[in-house]
N, C-alpha and C. Protein backbone atom coordinates (compact mmCIF):
# COMPACT_ATOMS: atom_id res chain seq x y z
N UNK A 1 -33.16 -46.83 -13.59
CA UNK A 1 -33.41 -46.25 -12.29
C UNK A 1 -32.16 -46.33 -11.41
N UNK A 2 -31.48 -47.47 -11.45
CA UNK A 2 -30.27 -47.65 -10.64
C UNK A 2 -29.16 -46.73 -11.12
N UNK A 3 -29.16 -46.40 -12.40
CA UNK A 3 -28.12 -45.53 -12.95
C UNK A 3 -28.23 -44.13 -12.36
N UNK A 4 -29.41 -43.71 -11.99
CA UNK A 4 -29.60 -42.40 -11.38
C UNK A 4 -29.41 -42.47 -9.88
N UNK A 5 -29.84 -43.55 -9.27
CA UNK A 5 -29.79 -43.69 -7.82
C UNK A 5 -28.36 -43.74 -7.28
N UNK A 6 -27.46 -44.43 -7.95
CA UNK A 6 -26.08 -44.57 -7.47
C UNK A 6 -25.38 -43.22 -7.39
N UNK A 7 -25.40 -42.37 -8.43
CA UNK A 7 -24.74 -41.05 -8.30
C UNK A 7 -25.37 -40.18 -7.21
N UNK A 8 -26.70 -40.27 -7.07
CA UNK A 8 -27.38 -39.47 -6.04
C UNK A 8 -26.90 -39.91 -4.65
N UNK A 9 -26.81 -41.20 -4.42
CA UNK A 9 -26.35 -41.71 -3.13
C UNK A 9 -24.89 -41.29 -2.88
N UNK A 10 -24.06 -41.34 -3.91
CA UNK A 10 -22.66 -40.94 -3.77
C UNK A 10 -22.54 -39.45 -3.44
N UNK A 11 -23.37 -38.62 -4.06
CA UNK A 11 -23.36 -37.19 -3.77
C UNK A 11 -23.79 -36.93 -2.33
N UNK A 12 -24.83 -37.62 -1.87
CA UNK A 12 -25.30 -37.46 -0.49
C UNK A 12 -24.20 -37.87 0.49
N UNK A 13 -23.54 -38.99 0.22
CA UNK A 13 -22.45 -39.45 1.09
C UNK A 13 -21.32 -38.41 1.11
N UNK A 14 -20.97 -37.86 -0.04
CA UNK A 14 -19.91 -36.85 -0.11
C UNK A 14 -20.30 -35.59 0.66
N UNK A 15 -21.55 -35.18 0.57
CA UNK A 15 -22.02 -34.00 1.29
C UNK A 15 -21.98 -34.22 2.80
N UNK A 16 -22.40 -35.38 3.25
CA UNK A 16 -22.38 -35.69 4.68
C UNK A 16 -20.93 -35.72 5.18
N UNK A 17 -20.05 -36.36 4.42
CA UNK A 17 -18.64 -36.41 4.82
C UNK A 17 -18.04 -35.01 4.87
N UNK A 18 -18.37 -34.17 3.92
CA UNK A 18 -17.88 -32.79 3.91
C UNK A 18 -18.40 -32.00 5.10
N UNK A 19 -19.66 -32.17 5.42
CA UNK A 19 -20.25 -31.47 6.56
C UNK A 19 -19.60 -31.90 7.87
N UNK A 20 -19.36 -33.19 8.02
CA UNK A 20 -18.71 -33.69 9.23
C UNK A 20 -17.28 -33.17 9.36
N UNK A 21 -16.56 -33.12 8.25
CA UNK A 21 -15.19 -32.60 8.26
C UNK A 21 -15.19 -31.12 8.62
N UNK A 22 -16.09 -30.35 8.05
CA UNK A 22 -16.18 -28.92 8.35
C UNK A 22 -16.54 -28.70 9.82
N UNK A 23 -17.45 -29.50 10.33
CA UNK A 23 -17.85 -29.37 11.73
C UNK A 23 -16.68 -29.67 12.66
N UNK A 24 -15.92 -30.71 12.34
CA UNK A 24 -14.75 -31.07 13.14
C UNK A 24 -13.70 -29.96 13.10
N UNK A 25 -13.46 -29.38 11.92
CA UNK A 25 -12.51 -28.29 11.78
C UNK A 25 -12.94 -27.08 12.60
N UNK A 26 -14.22 -26.70 12.51
CA UNK A 26 -14.71 -25.54 13.26
C UNK A 26 -14.62 -25.77 14.76
N UNK A 27 -14.92 -26.98 15.21
CA UNK A 27 -14.82 -27.29 16.64
C UNK A 27 -13.38 -27.16 17.11
N UNK A 28 -12.43 -27.61 16.29
CA UNK A 28 -11.01 -27.52 16.65
C UNK A 28 -10.58 -26.05 16.70
N UNK A 29 -11.01 -25.23 15.74
CA UNK A 29 -10.66 -23.81 15.74
C UNK A 29 -11.29 -23.08 16.91
N UNK A 30 -12.53 -23.42 17.25
CA UNK A 30 -13.18 -22.79 18.40
C UNK A 30 -12.48 -23.16 19.69
N UNK A 31 -12.02 -24.41 19.80
CA UNK A 31 -11.28 -24.84 20.98
C UNK A 31 -9.96 -24.08 21.10
N UNK A 32 -9.26 -23.88 19.97
CA UNK A 32 -8.00 -23.12 20.00
C UNK A 32 -8.27 -21.67 20.39
N UNK A 33 -9.30 -21.07 19.83
CA UNK A 33 -9.62 -19.68 20.16
C UNK A 33 -10.01 -19.54 21.62
N UNK A 34 -10.79 -20.48 22.11
CA UNK A 34 -11.19 -20.45 23.52
C UNK A 34 -9.98 -20.59 24.43
N UNK A 35 -9.07 -21.48 24.06
CA UNK A 35 -7.85 -21.69 24.84
C UNK A 35 -7.01 -20.41 24.86
N UNK A 36 -6.89 -19.74 23.71
CA UNK A 36 -6.12 -18.50 23.65
C UNK A 36 -6.79 -17.40 24.47
N UNK A 37 -8.10 -17.32 24.38
CA UNK A 37 -8.85 -16.26 25.03
C UNK A 37 -8.80 -16.36 26.55
N UNK A 38 -8.80 -17.58 27.08
CA UNK A 38 -8.81 -17.73 28.52
C UNK A 38 -7.45 -18.12 29.09
N UNK A 39 -6.46 -18.25 28.23
CA UNK A 39 -5.14 -18.65 28.68
C UNK A 39 -4.46 -17.58 29.52
N UNK A 40 -3.34 -17.96 30.12
CA UNK A 40 -2.59 -17.05 30.98
C UNK A 40 -1.89 -15.96 30.16
N UNK A 41 -1.67 -16.23 28.90
CA UNK A 41 -0.99 -15.26 28.05
C UNK A 41 -1.93 -14.12 27.67
N UNK A 42 -1.35 -12.99 27.41
CA UNK A 42 -2.12 -11.84 26.97
C UNK A 42 -2.54 -12.05 25.53
N UNK A 43 -3.75 -11.64 25.20
CA UNK A 43 -4.24 -11.74 23.83
C UNK A 43 -4.74 -10.38 23.36
N UNK A 44 -4.70 -10.18 22.07
CA UNK A 44 -5.28 -8.99 21.45
C UNK A 44 -6.09 -9.43 20.25
N UNK A 45 -7.03 -8.58 19.89
CA UNK A 45 -7.83 -8.82 18.69
C UNK A 45 -7.40 -7.82 17.63
N UNK A 46 -7.26 -8.34 16.41
CA UNK A 46 -6.82 -7.50 15.30
C UNK A 46 -7.75 -7.74 14.12
N UNK A 47 -8.29 -6.66 13.58
CA UNK A 47 -9.16 -6.73 12.41
C UNK A 47 -8.31 -6.64 11.15
N UNK A 48 -8.29 -7.71 10.37
CA UNK A 48 -7.54 -7.72 9.11
C UNK A 48 -8.20 -6.71 8.17
N UNK A 49 -7.41 -5.88 7.50
CA UNK A 49 -8.00 -4.89 6.58
C UNK A 49 -8.91 -5.53 5.54
N UNK A 50 -9.96 -4.82 5.20
CA UNK A 50 -10.93 -5.31 4.22
C UNK A 50 -10.23 -5.65 2.90
N UNK A 51 -10.49 -6.83 2.40
CA UNK A 51 -9.92 -7.27 1.14
C UNK A 51 -8.64 -8.08 1.29
N UNK A 52 -8.03 -8.05 2.48
CA UNK A 52 -6.81 -8.82 2.69
C UNK A 52 -7.16 -10.20 3.21
N UNK A 53 -6.47 -11.21 2.72
CA UNK A 53 -6.70 -12.58 3.13
C UNK A 53 -6.08 -12.80 4.51
N UNK A 54 -6.87 -13.21 5.51
CA UNK A 54 -6.32 -13.46 6.84
C UNK A 54 -5.22 -14.53 6.84
N UNK A 55 -5.22 -15.41 5.86
CA UNK A 55 -4.22 -16.48 5.80
C UNK A 55 -2.81 -15.91 5.66
N UNK A 56 -2.65 -14.84 4.90
CA UNK A 56 -1.32 -14.22 4.74
C UNK A 56 -0.84 -13.65 6.07
N UNK A 57 -1.75 -13.04 6.81
CA UNK A 57 -1.40 -12.47 8.12
C UNK A 57 -1.11 -13.59 9.12
N UNK A 58 -1.95 -14.62 9.13
CA UNK A 58 -1.73 -15.75 10.03
C UNK A 58 -0.38 -16.41 9.77
N UNK A 59 -0.04 -16.59 8.50
CA UNK A 59 1.23 -17.23 8.15
C UNK A 59 2.40 -16.42 8.68
N UNK A 60 2.35 -15.10 8.54
CA UNK A 60 3.45 -14.25 9.03
C UNK A 60 3.54 -14.29 10.55
N UNK A 61 2.40 -14.28 11.23
CA UNK A 61 2.39 -14.34 12.69
C UNK A 61 2.97 -15.67 13.18
N UNK A 62 2.59 -16.76 12.53
CA UNK A 62 3.12 -18.07 12.92
C UNK A 62 4.63 -18.14 12.68
N UNK A 63 5.11 -17.54 11.59
CA UNK A 63 6.55 -17.50 11.33
C UNK A 63 7.28 -16.75 12.44
N UNK A 64 6.64 -15.72 12.98
CA UNK A 64 7.26 -14.92 14.03
C UNK A 64 7.11 -15.56 15.41
N UNK A 65 6.42 -16.69 15.50
CA UNK A 65 6.29 -17.39 16.77
C UNK A 65 5.04 -17.07 17.57
N UNK A 66 4.13 -16.33 16.99
CA UNK A 66 2.88 -16.00 17.67
C UNK A 66 1.84 -17.06 17.34
N UNK A 67 0.95 -17.31 18.29
CA UNK A 67 -0.17 -18.20 18.03
C UNK A 67 -1.38 -17.31 17.75
N UNK A 68 -2.04 -17.58 16.64
CA UNK A 68 -3.18 -16.75 16.24
C UNK A 68 -4.19 -17.60 15.50
N UNK A 69 -5.46 -17.23 15.64
CA UNK A 69 -6.55 -17.89 14.93
C UNK A 69 -7.54 -16.83 14.48
N UNK A 70 -8.29 -17.16 13.43
CA UNK A 70 -9.42 -16.33 13.05
C UNK A 70 -10.49 -16.59 14.09
N UNK A 71 -10.98 -15.54 14.72
CA UNK A 71 -11.94 -15.70 15.82
C UNK A 71 -13.24 -16.30 15.29
N UNK A 72 -13.55 -17.54 15.67
CA UNK A 72 -14.78 -18.17 15.16
C UNK A 72 -16.04 -17.54 15.73
N UNK A 73 -15.92 -16.76 16.80
CA UNK A 73 -17.09 -16.12 17.38
C UNK A 73 -17.64 -14.99 16.52
N UNK A 74 -16.82 -14.46 15.66
CA UNK A 74 -17.24 -13.39 14.75
C UNK A 74 -16.92 -13.82 13.33
N UNK A 75 -17.61 -14.83 12.87
CA UNK A 75 -17.32 -15.47 11.59
C UNK A 75 -17.36 -14.48 10.43
N UNK A 76 -16.48 -14.72 9.47
CA UNK A 76 -16.41 -14.00 8.20
C UNK A 76 -16.09 -12.51 8.34
N UNK A 77 -15.52 -12.10 9.45
CA UNK A 77 -15.16 -10.69 9.58
C UNK A 77 -13.65 -10.50 9.46
N UNK A 78 -12.89 -11.58 9.57
CA UNK A 78 -11.44 -11.48 9.47
C UNK A 78 -10.80 -10.97 10.74
N UNK A 79 -11.49 -11.10 11.87
CA UNK A 79 -10.90 -10.67 13.14
C UNK A 79 -10.03 -11.79 13.69
N UNK A 80 -8.78 -11.45 14.01
CA UNK A 80 -7.84 -12.44 14.53
C UNK A 80 -7.71 -12.30 16.02
N UNK A 81 -7.51 -13.42 16.68
CA UNK A 81 -7.19 -13.47 18.10
C UNK A 81 -5.73 -13.88 18.18
N UNK A 82 -4.88 -13.00 18.70
CA UNK A 82 -3.43 -13.21 18.71
C UNK A 82 -2.96 -13.31 20.15
N UNK A 83 -2.20 -14.36 20.44
CA UNK A 83 -1.66 -14.56 21.79
C UNK A 83 -0.17 -14.30 21.78
N UNK A 84 0.32 -13.79 22.90
CA UNK A 84 1.75 -13.58 23.06
C UNK A 84 2.49 -14.91 23.06
N UNK A 85 3.77 -14.83 22.84
CA UNK A 85 4.58 -16.05 22.85
C UNK A 85 4.55 -16.68 24.23
N UNK A 86 4.65 -18.00 24.25
CA UNK A 86 4.64 -18.75 25.50
C UNK A 86 5.71 -18.22 26.44
N UNK A 87 5.32 -17.84 27.65
CA UNK A 87 6.27 -17.37 28.64
C UNK A 87 6.71 -15.94 28.47
N UNK A 88 6.19 -15.24 27.47
CA UNK A 88 6.58 -13.85 27.22
C UNK A 88 5.35 -12.95 27.27
N UNK A 89 5.57 -11.75 27.66
CA UNK A 89 4.52 -10.76 27.65
C UNK A 89 4.30 -10.29 26.21
N UNK A 90 3.08 -10.00 25.85
CA UNK A 90 2.77 -9.56 24.49
C UNK A 90 3.33 -8.16 24.26
N UNK A 91 4.16 -8.01 23.25
CA UNK A 91 4.77 -6.73 22.91
C UNK A 91 4.00 -6.15 21.73
N UNK A 92 3.15 -5.18 22.00
CA UNK A 92 2.30 -4.62 20.95
C UNK A 92 3.11 -3.94 19.84
N UNK A 93 4.19 -3.30 20.21
CA UNK A 93 4.99 -2.61 19.19
C UNK A 93 5.67 -3.61 18.26
N UNK A 94 6.18 -4.70 18.83
CA UNK A 94 6.76 -5.75 17.98
C UNK A 94 5.69 -6.33 17.08
N UNK A 95 4.51 -6.55 17.63
CA UNK A 95 3.39 -7.09 16.86
C UNK A 95 2.98 -6.12 15.75
N UNK A 96 2.97 -4.82 16.05
CA UNK A 96 2.66 -3.83 15.01
C UNK A 96 3.69 -3.89 13.88
N UNK A 97 4.96 -4.07 14.24
CA UNK A 97 6.01 -4.18 13.23
C UNK A 97 5.81 -5.40 12.34
N UNK A 98 5.42 -6.51 12.95
CA UNK A 98 5.18 -7.74 12.19
C UNK A 98 3.98 -7.56 11.27
N UNK A 99 2.88 -7.05 11.84
CA UNK A 99 1.66 -6.87 11.04
C UNK A 99 1.86 -5.82 9.95
N UNK A 100 2.63 -4.78 10.25
CA UNK A 100 2.91 -3.75 9.26
C UNK A 100 3.76 -4.27 8.11
N UNK A 101 4.52 -5.32 8.38
CA UNK A 101 5.37 -5.92 7.34
C UNK A 101 4.62 -6.86 6.42
N UNK A 102 3.38 -7.16 6.75
CA UNK A 102 2.57 -8.04 5.90
C UNK A 102 1.95 -7.17 4.82
N UNK A 103 2.59 -7.17 3.67
CA UNK A 103 2.10 -6.34 2.57
C UNK A 103 1.36 -7.16 1.52
N UNK A 104 1.27 -8.47 1.76
CA UNK A 104 0.55 -9.33 0.81
C UNK A 104 -0.94 -9.19 1.01
N UNK A 105 -1.64 -9.10 -0.09
CA UNK A 105 -3.10 -9.06 -0.05
C UNK A 105 -3.65 -10.48 0.09
N UNK A 106 -2.94 -11.45 -0.50
CA UNK A 106 -3.39 -12.83 -0.47
C UNK A 106 -2.17 -13.75 -0.57
N UNK A 107 -2.40 -15.05 -0.58
CA UNK A 107 -1.30 -16.01 -0.62
C UNK A 107 -0.69 -16.12 -2.02
N UNK A 108 -1.28 -15.46 -3.02
CA UNK A 108 -0.73 -15.46 -4.37
C UNK A 108 0.34 -14.40 -4.55
N UNK A 109 0.53 -13.55 -3.55
CA UNK A 109 1.58 -12.54 -3.61
C UNK A 109 1.13 -11.18 -4.07
N UNK A 110 -0.16 -10.97 -4.33
CA UNK A 110 -0.65 -9.64 -4.69
C UNK A 110 -0.38 -8.70 -3.51
N UNK A 111 -0.02 -7.46 -3.80
CA UNK A 111 0.37 -6.51 -2.77
C UNK A 111 -0.77 -5.57 -2.38
N UNK A 112 -0.77 -5.17 -1.10
CA UNK A 112 -1.72 -4.17 -0.62
C UNK A 112 -1.42 -2.83 -1.28
N UNK A 113 -2.43 -2.07 -1.66
CA UNK A 113 -2.17 -0.77 -2.28
C UNK A 113 -1.52 0.21 -1.30
N UNK A 114 -1.95 0.21 -0.04
CA UNK A 114 -1.37 1.09 0.98
C UNK A 114 -1.53 0.42 2.33
N UNK A 115 -0.52 0.52 3.15
CA UNK A 115 -0.57 -0.12 4.46
C UNK A 115 -1.40 0.73 5.42
N UNK A 116 -2.51 0.17 5.93
CA UNK A 116 -3.32 0.92 6.90
C UNK A 116 -2.62 0.93 8.26
N UNK A 117 -2.96 1.87 9.13
CA UNK A 117 -2.37 1.89 10.46
C UNK A 117 -2.81 0.62 11.23
N UNK A 118 -1.90 0.12 12.05
CA UNK A 118 -2.18 -1.09 12.83
C UNK A 118 -2.85 -0.69 14.13
N UNK A 119 -4.09 -1.14 14.32
CA UNK A 119 -4.84 -0.87 15.55
C UNK A 119 -5.43 -2.17 16.03
N UNK A 120 -5.44 -2.33 17.34
CA UNK A 120 -6.05 -3.51 17.96
C UNK A 120 -7.43 -3.13 18.47
N UNK A 121 -8.28 -4.13 18.67
CA UNK A 121 -9.69 -3.87 19.01
C UNK A 121 -9.86 -3.11 20.33
N UNK A 122 -8.92 -3.26 21.26
CA UNK A 122 -9.07 -2.59 22.55
C UNK A 122 -8.46 -1.18 22.59
N UNK A 123 -8.07 -0.68 21.46
CA UNK A 123 -7.46 0.66 21.42
C UNK A 123 -8.44 1.68 20.86
């Protein structure tokens, strides 16, 4: 009986720990998104093309100095909330150039078949 009980208890502990970690991560992402959304900087929303991993786009935006998060308010849609650089006005054309240069489909380096036009949610 104890041989079965110990693994079951360990699995329950692992599941609880995983749930707490996920909850903490989501709370941190929601706080970042909320901060970006209400901050003094201009923000735009960008829908990542279907099938493209938002992580590849986020990585490129962070390299370019932009702060961006996957909007937790619209989970699993791949909508990004992008803020202008600190102290700078958001330049949509520069942002379009950066987003247009992201040709990776995922972090493994697979390429997009065709680059879709860059449009923001408010356009």
